[in-house]
Amino acid sequence: MRKTGQRVRTAVAVLTAAVVGLTGCDAMGGDGPDEAGLGRQRAEAGPAVVWDRSPGSIAAVGDSITRGFDACAVLVDCPEVSWATGDSPEVNSLAVRLLGARAATHSWNYAVSGTAMADLPAQMERAAAREPELVTVMTGANDACRSSTSAMTPVDDFRADFEDALHTLREALPKAQVYVASIPNLMRLWSEGRTNPLGKQVWKLGICPSMLGDADAVDAAANERRATVQRRVMDYNAVLAEVCGADEYCRYDGGAVFEYRFGTAQLSPWDWFHPSKNGQARLAEIAYRKVTSEKP
């Protein structure tokens, strides 16, 4: 009987301690996995942001790619074939795919040829004045395409400028959606374009010398130079992914443009660097697929 009573007293003590522990945790506002606590956490977090796959207006910012440079004629912009906002049926731009006939009055192109990431905040400010529901961003190639690898934009500066651009937009339009395209693969551009003798002659005029200079050189120094540019582009794309990922209304393309295996048909016949009309159409396809996908 003594042993039985001892077991009972022990069981009662354990049970009492457990009850005290549970009530003490609840009284102190503990974060245990109780249903009420989880409910409070969900309420505090607020409703999840829902991506609008059919925005009603679009503004584009970026560089010469978004301006359709060298796609229609030599050394001129051709915004009508822009992947983002053009009205050419040959391209079927993102704006046309999303807005149809309304694209003519509900899309705007604020990209500027020759610009780099440092110029994006000013472009974003002009775009925000239109109060677009979606802003497309494609820039960064000119940060890598410099006279030498040492002249490329430092990654930290690239990040600061991109963050500044998004901050500029958010001050004016806290909930505007943003689609960010990755920077194209410049190494592939070199490997594809160098097969054309005319293209190599045009490159000698000073097109992206950090990557395309001395196109036929394959010595150790030339290979390392190109690899350095390629690594910098990949670092830039990592920045685009990270900064965009921290903004709940921003969607990065996941590297789709960088990974696209373009050929000479997608390159301008005048400079073998910028996208041709065909190339612009492929960019529009990628953007439309990413903007309208159910998940990022």
Protein backbone atom coordinates (compact mmCIF):
# COMPACT_ATOMS: atom_id res chain seq x y z
CA MET A 1 0.00 0.00 0.00
CA ARG A 2 2.92 2.34 0.81
CA LYS A 3 4.32 1.90 -2.72
CA THR A 4 0.91 2.44 -4.29
CA GLY A 5 0.33 5.66 -2.34
CA GLN A 6 3.79 6.87 -3.29
CA ARG A 7 3.03 6.27 -7.00
CA VAL A 8 -0.24 8.17 -6.71
CA ARG A 9 1.43 11.13 -5.01
CA THR A 10 4.14 11.16 -7.69
CA ALA A 11 1.59 11.10 -10.53
CA VAL A 12 -0.39 13.91 -8.91
CA ALA A 13 2.78 16.03 -8.56
CA VAL A 14 3.72 15.52 -12.20
CA LEU A 15 0.20 16.36 -13.36
CA THR A 16 0.09 19.45 -11.15
CA ALA A 17 3.45 20.66 -12.48
CA ALA A 18 2.26 20.19 -16.06
CA VAL A 19 -0.94 22.14 -15.41
CA VAL A 20 0.95 24.94 -13.67
CA GLY A 21 3.43 25.05 -16.54
CA LEU A 22 0.71 25.35 -19.15
CA THR A 23 -1.30 27.98 -17.31
CA GLY A 24 1.87 29.90 -16.51
CA CYS A 25 2.88 29.99 -20.18
CA ASP A 26 -0.56 31.18 -21.22
CA ALA A 27 -0.67 33.83 -18.48
CA MET A 28 2.70 35.19 -19.57
CA GLY A 29 1.56 35.46 -23.19
CA GLY A 30 3.81 32.66 -24.41
CA ASP A 31 4.11 31.80 -28.10
CA GLY A 32 3.34 28.13 -27.86
CA PRO A 33 1.52 26.36 -30.71
CA ASP A 34 -1.98 26.98 -29.33
CA GLU A 35 -4.71 27.81 -31.83
CA ALA A 36 -5.39 31.24 -30.34
CA GLY A 37 -1.72 32.16 -30.56
CA LEU A 38 -1.47 31.10 -34.19
CA GLY A 39 -4.62 33.04 -34.95
CA ARG A 40 -3.15 36.17 -33.42
CA GLN A 41 0.06 35.76 -35.42
CA ARG A 42 -1.87 35.40 -38.67
CA ALA A 43 -3.98 38.46 -37.88
CA GLU A 44 -0.88 40.54 -37.07
CA ALA A 45 0.80 39.46 -40.32
CA GLY A 46 -2.16 40.72 -42.32
CA PRO A 47 -3.59 39.28 -45.53
CA ALA A 48 -1.18 37.93 -48.13
CA VAL A 49 -0.49 40.18 -51.12
CA VAL A 50 -2.28 38.95 -54.22
CA TRP A 51 -0.44 39.57 -57.49
CA ASP A 52 -2.70 41.12 -60.15
CA ARG A 53 -2.09 39.13 -63.33
CA SER A 54 -4.02 41.61 -65.48
CA PRO A 55 -2.86 45.14 -64.58
CA GLY A 56 -4.67 47.99 -66.30
CA SER A 57 -1.68 50.21 -67.14
CA ILE A 58 2.08 49.82 -67.72
CA ALA A 59 5.14 52.07 -67.54
CA ALA A 60 8.55 50.86 -68.73
CA VAL A 61 11.96 51.99 -67.48
CA GLY A 62 15.40 50.85 -68.51
CA ASP A 63 17.95 51.21 -71.29
CA SER A 64 18.29 50.80 -75.06
CA ILE A 65 16.84 47.30 -75.07
CA THR A 66 13.48 48.64 -73.91
CA ARG A 67 13.75 51.49 -76.44
CA GLY A 68 14.11 49.01 -79.32
CA PHE A 69 17.46 50.54 -80.31
CA ASP A 70 18.87 49.23 -83.61
CA ALA A 71 15.90 46.90 -84.09
CA CYS A 72 14.40 48.84 -87.05
CA ALA A 73 17.30 50.88 -88.44
CA VAL A 74 20.90 51.66 -87.61
CA LEU A 75 21.66 53.84 -84.57
CA VAL A 76 18.08 54.86 -83.81
CA ASP A 77 15.50 54.00 -81.17
CA CYS A 78 12.45 52.11 -82.35
CA PRO A 79 10.03 52.13 -79.38
CA GLU A 80 7.22 50.75 -81.52
CA VAL A 81 8.94 47.34 -81.32
CA SER A 82 9.76 47.54 -77.61
CA TRP A 83 9.11 44.26 -75.81
CA ALA A 84 7.42 46.21 -73.00
CA THR A 85 5.21 48.87 -74.61
CA GLY A 86 5.54 48.66 -78.40
CA ASP A 87 2.55 48.43 -80.72
CA SER A 88 4.15 46.40 -83.51
CA PRO A 89 2.26 43.19 -84.38
CA GLU A 90 5.65 41.61 -85.13
CA VAL A 91 6.53 41.80 -81.45
CA ASN A 92 3.17 41.61 -79.66
CA SER A 93 4.53 43.47 -76.66
CA LEU A 94 3.69 42.90 -73.02
CA ALA A 95 1.42 45.95 -73.08
CA VAL A 96 -0.50 44.69 -76.12
CA ARG A 97 -0.84 41.21 -74.64
CA LEU A 98 -2.17 42.58 -71.34
CA LEU A 99 -4.13 45.65 -72.44
CA GLY A 100 -5.15 45.02 -76.03
CA ALA A 101 -6.42 48.19 -77.72
CA ARG A 102 -5.97 50.14 -74.48
CA ALA A 103 -2.19 49.78 -74.75
CA ALA A 104 -2.04 52.94 -76.88
CA THR A 105 -3.38 55.08 -74.04
CA HIS A 106 -2.43 53.09 -70.95
CA SER A 107 1.27 52.32 -71.48
CA TRP A 108 4.32 54.60 -71.41
CA ASN A 109 8.02 54.09 -72.18
CA TYR A 110 10.48 56.06 -70.03
CA ALA A 111 13.56 53.99 -70.86
CA VAL A 112 16.59 55.88 -72.23
CA SER A 113 19.26 54.39 -74.49
CA GLY A 114 22.74 54.35 -73.03
CA THR A 115 21.69 54.57 -69.40
CA ALA A 116 22.83 52.46 -66.46
CA MET A 117 21.40 51.57 -63.06
CA ALA A 118 22.43 54.95 -61.64
CA ASP A 119 19.90 56.57 -64.00
CA LEU A 120 16.99 54.39 -62.91
CA PRO A 121 15.75 56.47 -59.95
CA ALA A 122 15.08 59.48 -62.20
CA GLN A 123 13.29 57.30 -64.75
CA MET A 124 11.24 55.72 -61.97
CA GLU A 125 10.16 59.14 -60.74
CA ARG A 126 8.88 60.08 -64.19
CA ALA A 127 7.12 56.73 -64.57
CA ALA A 128 5.46 57.02 -61.17
CA ALA A 129 3.84 60.31 -62.20
CA ARG A 130 1.63 58.28 -64.56
CA GLU A 131 0.44 56.13 -61.65
CA PRO A 132 0.84 52.84 -63.56
CA GLU A 133 -0.39 49.59 -62.07
CA LEU A 134 2.71 47.78 -63.39
CA VAL A 135 6.27 49.04 -63.93
CA THR A 136 8.69 46.97 -66.01
CA VAL A 137 12.43 47.20 -65.36
CA MET A 138 15.23 46.03 -67.64
CA THR A 139 18.61 47.65 -67.10
CA GLY A 140 22.15 46.79 -66.05
CA ALA A 141 23.88 45.68 -69.24
CA ASN A 142 25.55 49.08 -69.57
CA ASP A 143 26.95 48.74 -66.06
CA ALA A 144 28.97 45.75 -67.29
CA CYS A 145 29.58 46.96 -70.84
CA ARG A 146 32.38 49.42 -70.13
CA SER A 147 35.75 50.28 -71.61
CA SER A 148 37.41 47.78 -69.27
CA THR A 149 36.51 45.43 -66.44
CA SER A 150 37.85 47.92 -63.90
CA ALA A 151 35.34 50.50 -65.14
CA MET A 152 32.30 48.29 -64.45
CA THR A 153 29.86 49.53 -61.82
CA PRO A 154 30.73 48.12 -58.36
CA VAL A 155 28.11 45.68 -57.13
CA ASP A 156 27.43 47.71 -53.97
CA ASP A 157 26.75 50.83 -56.05
CA PHE A 158 24.49 48.82 -58.34
CA ARG A 159 22.52 47.61 -55.34
CA ALA A 160 22.24 51.08 -53.80
CA ASP A 161 20.94 52.58 -57.04
CA PHE A 162 18.37 49.83 -57.54
CA GLU A 163 17.16 50.17 -53.96
CA ASP A 164 16.93 53.93 -54.48
CA ALA A 165 14.85 53.42 -57.63
CA LEU A 166 12.37 51.14 -55.85
CA HIS A 167 12.22 53.52 -52.91
CA THR A 168 11.42 56.37 -55.29
CA LEU A 169 8.54 54.35 -56.71
CA ARG A 170 7.27 53.28 -53.30
CA GLU A 171 7.12 56.85 -52.02
CA ALA A 172 4.67 57.67 -54.80
CA LEU A 173 2.98 54.31 -55.40
CA PRO A 174 3.24 51.93 -52.42
CA LYS A 175 1.32 49.14 -54.14
CA ALA A 176 2.33 49.43 -57.79
CA GLN A 177 3.54 46.09 -59.14
CA VAL A 178 7.05 45.77 -60.56
CA TYR A 179 8.37 43.22 -63.04
CA VAL A 180 12.18 43.00 -63.12
CA ALA A 181 13.91 41.29 -66.04
CA SER A 182 17.36 39.80 -65.57
CA ILE A 183 20.34 41.13 -67.53
CA PRO A 184 21.00 39.12 -70.72
CA ASN A 185 23.89 36.67 -70.94
CA LEU A 186 26.74 38.74 -72.40
CA MET A 187 29.02 35.73 -72.72
CA ARG A 188 26.49 34.03 -74.96
CA LEU A 189 26.20 37.27 -76.91
CA TRP A 190 29.93 37.09 -77.63
CA SER A 191 29.89 33.39 -78.54
CA GLU A 192 26.90 33.77 -80.89
CA GLY A 193 27.75 37.11 -82.50
CA ARG A 194 31.41 36.35 -83.18
CA THR A 195 30.35 33.81 -85.80
CA ASN A 196 29.36 36.74 -88.05
CA PRO A 197 32.28 38.61 -89.71
CA LEU A 198 30.21 41.78 -90.07
CA GLY A 199 29.22 41.68 -86.45
CA LYS A 200 32.82 41.50 -85.32
CA GLN A 201 33.71 44.50 -87.47
CA VAL A 202 30.87 46.50 -85.93
CA TRP A 203 31.96 45.54 -82.43
CA LYS A 204 35.34 47.15 -83.14
CA LEU A 205 33.56 50.52 -83.15
CA GLY A 206 33.31 50.22 -79.38
CA ILE A 207 30.27 48.11 -78.56
CA CYS A 208 30.63 46.59 -75.10
CA PRO A 209 34.44 46.42 -75.26
CA SER A 210 34.76 44.78 -71.84
CA MET A 211 33.13 41.66 -73.30
CA LEU A 212 33.22 42.02 -77.08
CA GLY A 213 36.61 43.65 -77.62
CA ASP A 214 39.15 41.49 -79.51
CA ALA A 215 36.38 39.05 -80.31
CA ASP A 216 38.69 36.43 -81.85
CA ALA A 217 41.16 36.44 -78.98
CA VAL A 218 40.97 33.29 -76.88
CA ASP A 219 44.19 33.60 -74.91
CA ALA A 220 44.19 33.39 -71.11
CA ALA A 221 43.92 37.15 -70.61
CA ALA A 222 40.96 37.52 -72.99
CA ASN A 223 39.16 34.55 -71.47
CA GLU A 224 39.66 35.91 -67.96
CA ARG A 225 38.42 39.35 -69.04
CA ARG A 226 35.19 37.88 -70.40
CA ALA A 227 34.77 35.64 -67.37
CA THR A 228 35.12 38.69 -65.12
CA VAL A 229 32.35 40.47 -67.01
CA GLN A 230 30.16 37.37 -66.86
CA ARG A 231 30.65 37.05 -63.10
CA ARG A 232 29.72 40.70 -62.65
CA VAL A 233 26.52 40.26 -64.66
CA MET A 234 25.62 37.26 -62.50
CA ASP A 235 26.31 39.35 -59.37
CA TYR A 236 24.06 42.10 -60.72
CA ASN A 237 21.29 39.59 -61.36
CA ALA A 238 21.67 38.28 -57.81
CA VAL A 239 21.15 41.85 -56.57
CA LEU A 240 18.03 42.24 -58.72
CA ALA A 241 16.65 39.01 -57.27
CA GLU A 242 17.42 39.92 -53.66
CA VAL A 243 16.21 43.52 -53.71
CA CYS A 244 13.08 42.66 -55.69
CA GLY A 245 12.44 39.68 -53.43
CA ALA A 246 12.33 41.97 -50.40
CA ASP A 247 9.48 43.97 -51.97
CA GLU A 248 6.12 42.19 -51.76
CA TYR A 249 4.86 43.88 -54.93
CA CYS A 250 7.94 43.06 -57.03
CA ARG A 251 8.40 39.99 -59.23
CA TYR A 252 11.82 39.00 -60.65
CA ASP A 253 11.95 36.85 -63.77
CA GLY A 254 13.98 34.18 -61.98
CA GLY A 255 16.85 34.60 -64.45
CA ALA A 256 14.68 33.74 -67.48
CA VAL A 257 16.15 36.43 -69.75
CA PHE A 258 19.71 35.58 -68.72
CA GLU A 259 19.11 31.89 -69.33
CA TYR A 260 17.33 32.31 -72.67
CA ARG A 261 19.40 30.59 -75.38
CA PHE A 262 19.13 33.22 -78.10
CA GLY A 263 20.79 32.92 -81.48
CA THR A 264 21.74 35.33 -84.25
CA ALA A 265 18.10 35.63 -85.34
CA GLN A 266 17.41 37.40 -82.05
CA LEU A 267 20.25 39.93 -82.58
CA SER A 268 20.12 43.22 -84.45
CA PRO A 269 21.49 42.88 -88.02
CA TRP A 270 23.12 46.28 -87.58
CA ASP A 271 25.13 45.83 -84.39
CA TRP A 272 24.81 42.14 -83.39
CA PHE A 273 24.30 43.30 -79.82
CA HIS A 274 20.80 44.68 -79.27
CA PRO A 275 17.71 42.50 -79.79
CA SER A 276 16.19 42.33 -83.26
CA LYS A 277 12.43 42.46 -83.69
CA ASN A 278 12.48 38.71 -83.20
CA GLY A 279 14.51 39.15 -80.03
CA GLN A 280 12.10 41.78 -78.75
CA ALA A 281 9.22 39.36 -79.33
CA ARG A 282 11.00 36.69 -77.28
CA LEU A 283 11.49 39.17 -74.41
CA ALA A 284 7.78 40.01 -74.58
CA GLU A 285 6.90 36.31 -74.36
CA ILE A 286 9.08 35.83 -71.28
CA ALA A 287 7.65 38.91 -69.57
CA TYR A 288 4.05 37.95 -70.29
CA ARG A 289 4.62 34.45 -68.98
CA LYS A 290 6.15 35.76 -65.74
CA VAL A 291 3.64 38.56 -65.15
CA THR A 292 0.62 36.33 -65.70
CA SER A 293 1.86 33.22 -63.92
CA GLU A 294 -0.02 32.24 -60.80
CA LYS A 295 3.18 32.05 -58.78
CA PRO A 296 6.46 34.01 -59.11
